[in-house]
Amino acid sequence: MLLEWGDPNQHLQLLQSGISIRSLSVNSYGDIMISPYVPVVFGNVRNHSIKEYIDSGIFEASKNDVIQKLFKTVYNNMDLMNSKDSLPELYKDEMFCMDIIDDSLIEKYEVLSRLLGC
């Protein structure tokens, strides 16, 4: 396991560029995210192991069109801190939770798309 601290702006720019980032964030609740700056949970270590999520394609989830649109809603970390009113509703509530192993991804992506106004 590698723990890193990086520049949030650089991380957001990489996500927006479509470059596949092969790292995951796990918060204290066990929620697994592709990015700590994007409010979408893709699974939880209490439900399945990280290996199971990787084998199920968690890294490929970032290539989904809806997720790509979500990445493009935030341009830098200042947007996250100062511009809550200009961000989609998704950023104003709790995390959007989906489990790439247990949930119907088509349904989850449709709900997420509506939250983004797509």
C-alpha atoms as a PDB file:
ATOM      1  CA  MET A   1       0.000   0.000   0.000  1.00  0.00           C
ATOM      2  CA  LEU A   2       1.248   3.452  -0.875  1.00  0.00           C
ATOM      3  CA  LEU A   3      -0.012   6.555   0.879  1.00  0.00           C
ATOM      4  CA  GLU A   4       0.490   9.817  -0.986  1.00  0.00           C
ATOM      5  CA  TRP A   5      -0.380  13.438  -0.658  1.00  0.00           C
ATOM      6  CA  GLY A   6      -0.584  15.337  -3.898  1.00  0.00           C
ATOM      7  CA  ASP A   7      -1.818  18.529  -5.453  1.00  0.00           C
ATOM      8  CA  PRO A   8      -5.643  18.451  -5.737  1.00  0.00           C
ATOM      9  CA  ASN A   9      -5.538  20.647  -8.842  1.00  0.00           C
ATOM     10  CA  GLN A  10      -3.152  18.292 -10.623  1.00  0.00           C
ATOM     11  CA  HIS A  11      -5.300  15.326  -9.630  1.00  0.00           C
ATOM     12  CA  LEU A  12      -8.461  16.995 -10.994  1.00  0.00           C
ATOM     13  CA  GLN A  13      -6.670  17.913 -14.229  1.00  0.00           C
ATOM     14  CA  LEU A  14      -5.566  14.299 -14.715  1.00  0.00           C
ATOM     15  CA  LEU A  15      -9.126  13.070 -14.191  1.00  0.00           C
ATOM     16  CA  GLN A  16     -10.464  15.608 -16.695  1.00  0.00           C
ATOM     17  CA  SER A  17      -7.863  14.699 -19.292  1.00  0.00           C
ATOM     18  CA  GLY A  18      -9.159  11.137 -19.462  1.00  0.00           C
ATOM     19  CA  ILE A  19      -5.868   9.659 -18.291  1.00  0.00           C
ATOM     20  CA  SER A  20      -6.598   6.484 -16.371  1.00  0.00           C
ATOM     21  CA  ILE A  21      -5.581   6.953 -12.758  1.00  0.00           C
ATOM     22  CA  ARG A  22      -4.847   3.641 -11.136  1.00  0.00           C
ATOM     23  CA  SER A  23      -5.255   4.657  -7.530  1.00  0.00           C
ATOM     24  CA  LEU A  24      -8.132   4.492  -5.089  1.00  0.00           C
ATOM     25  CA  SER A  25      -9.145   6.430  -2.011  1.00  0.00           C
ATOM     26  CA  VAL A  26     -10.616   4.617   0.965  1.00  0.00           C
ATOM     27  CA  ASN A  27     -12.157   6.765   3.686  1.00  0.00           C
ATOM     28  CA  SER A  28     -12.565   5.912   7.356  1.00  0.00           C
ATOM     29  CA  TYR A  29     -15.963   4.310   6.653  1.00  0.00           C
ATOM     30  CA  GLY A  30     -14.443   1.893   4.145  1.00  0.00           C
ATOM     31  CA  ASP A  31     -15.912   3.716   1.132  1.00  0.00           C
ATOM     32  CA  ILE A  32     -13.858   3.293  -2.037  1.00  0.00           C
ATOM     33  CA  MET A  33     -13.583   6.247  -4.405  1.00  0.00           C
ATOM     34  CA  ILE A  34     -11.684   6.904  -7.595  1.00  0.00           C
ATOM     35  CA  SER A  35     -10.939  10.385  -6.286  1.00  0.00           C
ATOM     36  CA  PRO A  36     -11.369  12.045  -2.901  1.00  0.00           C
ATOM     37  CA  TYR A  37     -12.506  15.170  -4.792  1.00  0.00           C
ATOM     38  CA  VAL A  38     -15.441  13.536  -6.560  1.00  0.00           C
ATOM     39  CA  PRO A  39     -18.487  12.646  -4.403  1.00  0.00           C
ATOM     40  CA  VAL A  40     -19.079   9.154  -5.769  1.00  0.00           C
ATOM     41  CA  VAL A  41     -18.461   5.947  -3.834  1.00  0.00           C
ATOM     42  CA  PHE A  42     -17.885   2.865  -6.001  1.00  0.00           C
ATOM     43  CA  GLY A  43     -17.889   0.268  -3.244  1.00  0.00           C
ATOM     44  CA  ASN A  44     -16.987  -0.461   0.340  1.00  0.00           C
ATOM     45  CA  VAL A  45     -14.329  -2.720   1.824  1.00  0.00           C
ATOM     46  CA  ARG A  46     -16.913  -4.089   4.279  1.00  0.00           C
ATOM     47  CA  ASN A  47     -18.821  -5.572   1.326  1.00  0.00           C
ATOM     48  CA  HIS A  48     -15.974  -6.859  -0.868  1.00  0.00           C
ATOM     49  CA  SER A  49     -12.195  -6.780  -0.882  1.00  0.00           C
ATOM     50  CA  ILE A  50     -10.270  -4.148  -2.805  1.00  0.00           C
ATOM     51  CA  LYS A  51      -8.989  -6.941  -5.057  1.00  0.00           C
ATOM     52  CA  GLU A  52     -12.581  -7.911  -5.900  1.00  0.00           C
ATOM     53  CA  TYR A  53     -13.350  -4.291  -6.845  1.00  0.00           C
ATOM     54  CA  ILE A  54     -10.228  -4.073  -8.978  1.00  0.00           C
ATOM     55  CA  ASP A  55     -11.077  -7.384 -10.682  1.00  0.00           C
ATOM     56  CA  SER A  56     -14.628  -6.073 -11.273  1.00  0.00           C
ATOM     57  CA  GLY A  57     -13.358  -3.012 -13.134  1.00  0.00           C
ATOM     58  CA  ILE A  58     -13.331  -0.150 -10.664  1.00  0.00           C
ATOM     59  CA  PHE A  59     -10.575   1.594 -12.635  1.00  0.00           C
ATOM     60  CA  GLU A  60     -12.622   1.380 -15.831  1.00  0.00           C
ATOM     61  CA  ALA A  61     -15.523   3.143 -14.069  1.00  0.00           C
ATOM     62  CA  SER A  62     -13.702   6.451 -14.510  1.00  0.00           C
ATOM     63  CA  LYS A  63     -14.101   6.075 -18.274  1.00  0.00           C
ATOM     64  CA  ASN A  64     -17.919   6.076 -18.095  1.00  0.00           C
ATOM     65  CA  ASP A  65     -19.414   9.120 -19.879  1.00  0.00           C
ATOM     66  CA  VAL A  66     -21.402  10.233 -16.824  1.00  0.00           C
ATOM     67  CA  ILE A  67     -18.353   9.991 -14.563  1.00  0.00           C
ATOM     68  CA  GLN A  68     -16.301  11.936 -17.131  1.00  0.00           C
ATOM     69  CA  LYS A  69     -18.967  14.696 -17.124  1.00  0.00           C
ATOM     70  CA  LEU A  70     -18.801  14.725 -13.343  1.00  0.00           C
ATOM     71  CA  PHE A  71     -15.012  15.179 -13.449  1.00  0.00           C
ATOM     72  CA  LYS A  72     -15.439  18.179 -15.716  1.00  0.00           C
ATOM     73  CA  THR A  73     -17.769  19.995 -13.266  1.00  0.00           C
ATOM     74  CA  VAL A  74     -14.875  20.938 -10.972  1.00  0.00           C
ATOM     75  CA  TYR A  75     -11.883  22.761 -12.374  1.00  0.00           C
ATOM     76  CA  ASN A  76      -9.794  23.189  -9.258  1.00  0.00           C
ATOM     77  CA  ASN A  77      -9.895  22.802  -5.502  1.00  0.00           C
ATOM     78  CA  MET A  78     -11.117  26.385  -5.073  1.00  0.00           C
ATOM     79  CA  ASP A  79     -14.347  25.357  -6.834  1.00  0.00           C
ATOM     80  CA  LEU A  80     -14.862  22.750  -4.156  1.00  0.00           C
ATOM     81  CA  MET A  81     -14.276  25.198  -1.319  1.00  0.00           C
ATOM     82  CA  ASN A  82     -15.891  28.401  -2.590  1.00  0.00           C
ATOM     83  CA  SER A  83     -18.376  27.658  -5.339  1.00  0.00           C
ATOM     84  CA  LYS A  84     -20.860  25.201  -3.890  1.00  0.00           C
ATOM     85  CA  ASP A  85     -23.710  27.186  -5.471  1.00  0.00           C
ATOM     86  CA  SER A  86     -22.300  26.708  -8.969  1.00  0.00           C
ATOM     87  CA  LEU A  87     -21.678  22.983  -8.571  1.00  0.00           C
ATOM     88  CA  PRO A  88     -24.298  20.333  -9.339  1.00  0.00           C
ATOM     89  CA  GLU A  89     -26.637  19.300  -6.505  1.00  0.00           C
ATOM     90  CA  LEU A  90     -24.552  16.179  -6.093  1.00  0.00           C
ATOM     91  CA  TYR A  91     -21.825  18.210  -4.342  1.00  0.00           C
ATOM     92  CA  LYS A  92     -24.279  19.737  -1.867  1.00  0.00           C
ATOM     93  CA  ASP A  93     -25.506  16.510  -0.294  1.00  0.00           C
ATOM     94  CA  GLU A  94     -23.910  13.296   0.866  1.00  0.00           C
ATOM     95  CA  MET A  95     -21.819  11.043  -1.325  1.00  0.00           C
ATOM     96  CA  PHE A  96     -23.543   9.260  -4.204  1.00  0.00           C
ATOM     97  CA  CYS A  97     -23.137   5.560  -3.426  1.00  0.00           C
ATOM     98  CA  MET A  98     -23.011   2.785  -5.951  1.00  0.00           C
ATOM     99  CA  ASP A  99     -21.396  -0.601  -5.678  1.00  0.00           C
ATOM    100  CA  ILE A 100     -19.854  -1.732  -8.949  1.00  0.00           C
ATOM    101  CA  ILE A 101     -20.236  -5.351  -7.869  1.00  0.00           C
ATOM    102  CA  ASP A 102     -23.684  -5.422  -6.241  1.00  0.00           C
ATOM    103  CA  ASP A 103     -25.694  -2.642  -7.932  1.00  0.00           C
ATOM    104  CA  SER A 104     -27.242  -2.259 -11.359  1.00  0.00           C
ATOM    105  CA  LEU A 105     -24.758   0.180 -12.852  1.00  0.00           C
ATOM    106  CA  ILE A 106     -27.083   1.210 -15.667  1.00  0.00           C
ATOM    107  CA  GLU A 107     -29.672   2.377 -13.121  1.00  0.00           C
ATOM    108  CA  LYS A 108     -27.056   4.079 -10.934  1.00  0.00           C
ATOM    109  CA  TYR A 109     -25.517   5.924 -13.900  1.00  0.00           C
ATOM    110  CA  GLU A 110     -29.011   7.103 -14.934  1.00  0.00           C
ATOM    111  CA  VAL A 111     -29.665   8.520 -11.458  1.00  0.00           C
ATOM    112  CA  LEU A 112     -26.241  10.133 -11.393  1.00  0.00           C
ATOM    113  CA  SER A 113     -26.838  11.625 -14.820  1.00  0.00           C
ATOM    114  CA  ARG A 114     -30.087  13.214 -13.587  1.00  0.00           C
ATOM    115  CA  LEU A 115     -28.294  14.641 -10.543  1.00  0.00           C
ATOM    116  CA  LEU A 116     -25.773  16.244 -12.875  1.00  0.00           C
ATOM    117  CA  GLY A 117     -28.495  17.628 -15.105  1.00  0.00           C
ATOM    118  CA  CYS A 118     -27.272  15.646 -18.147  1.00  0.00           C
END
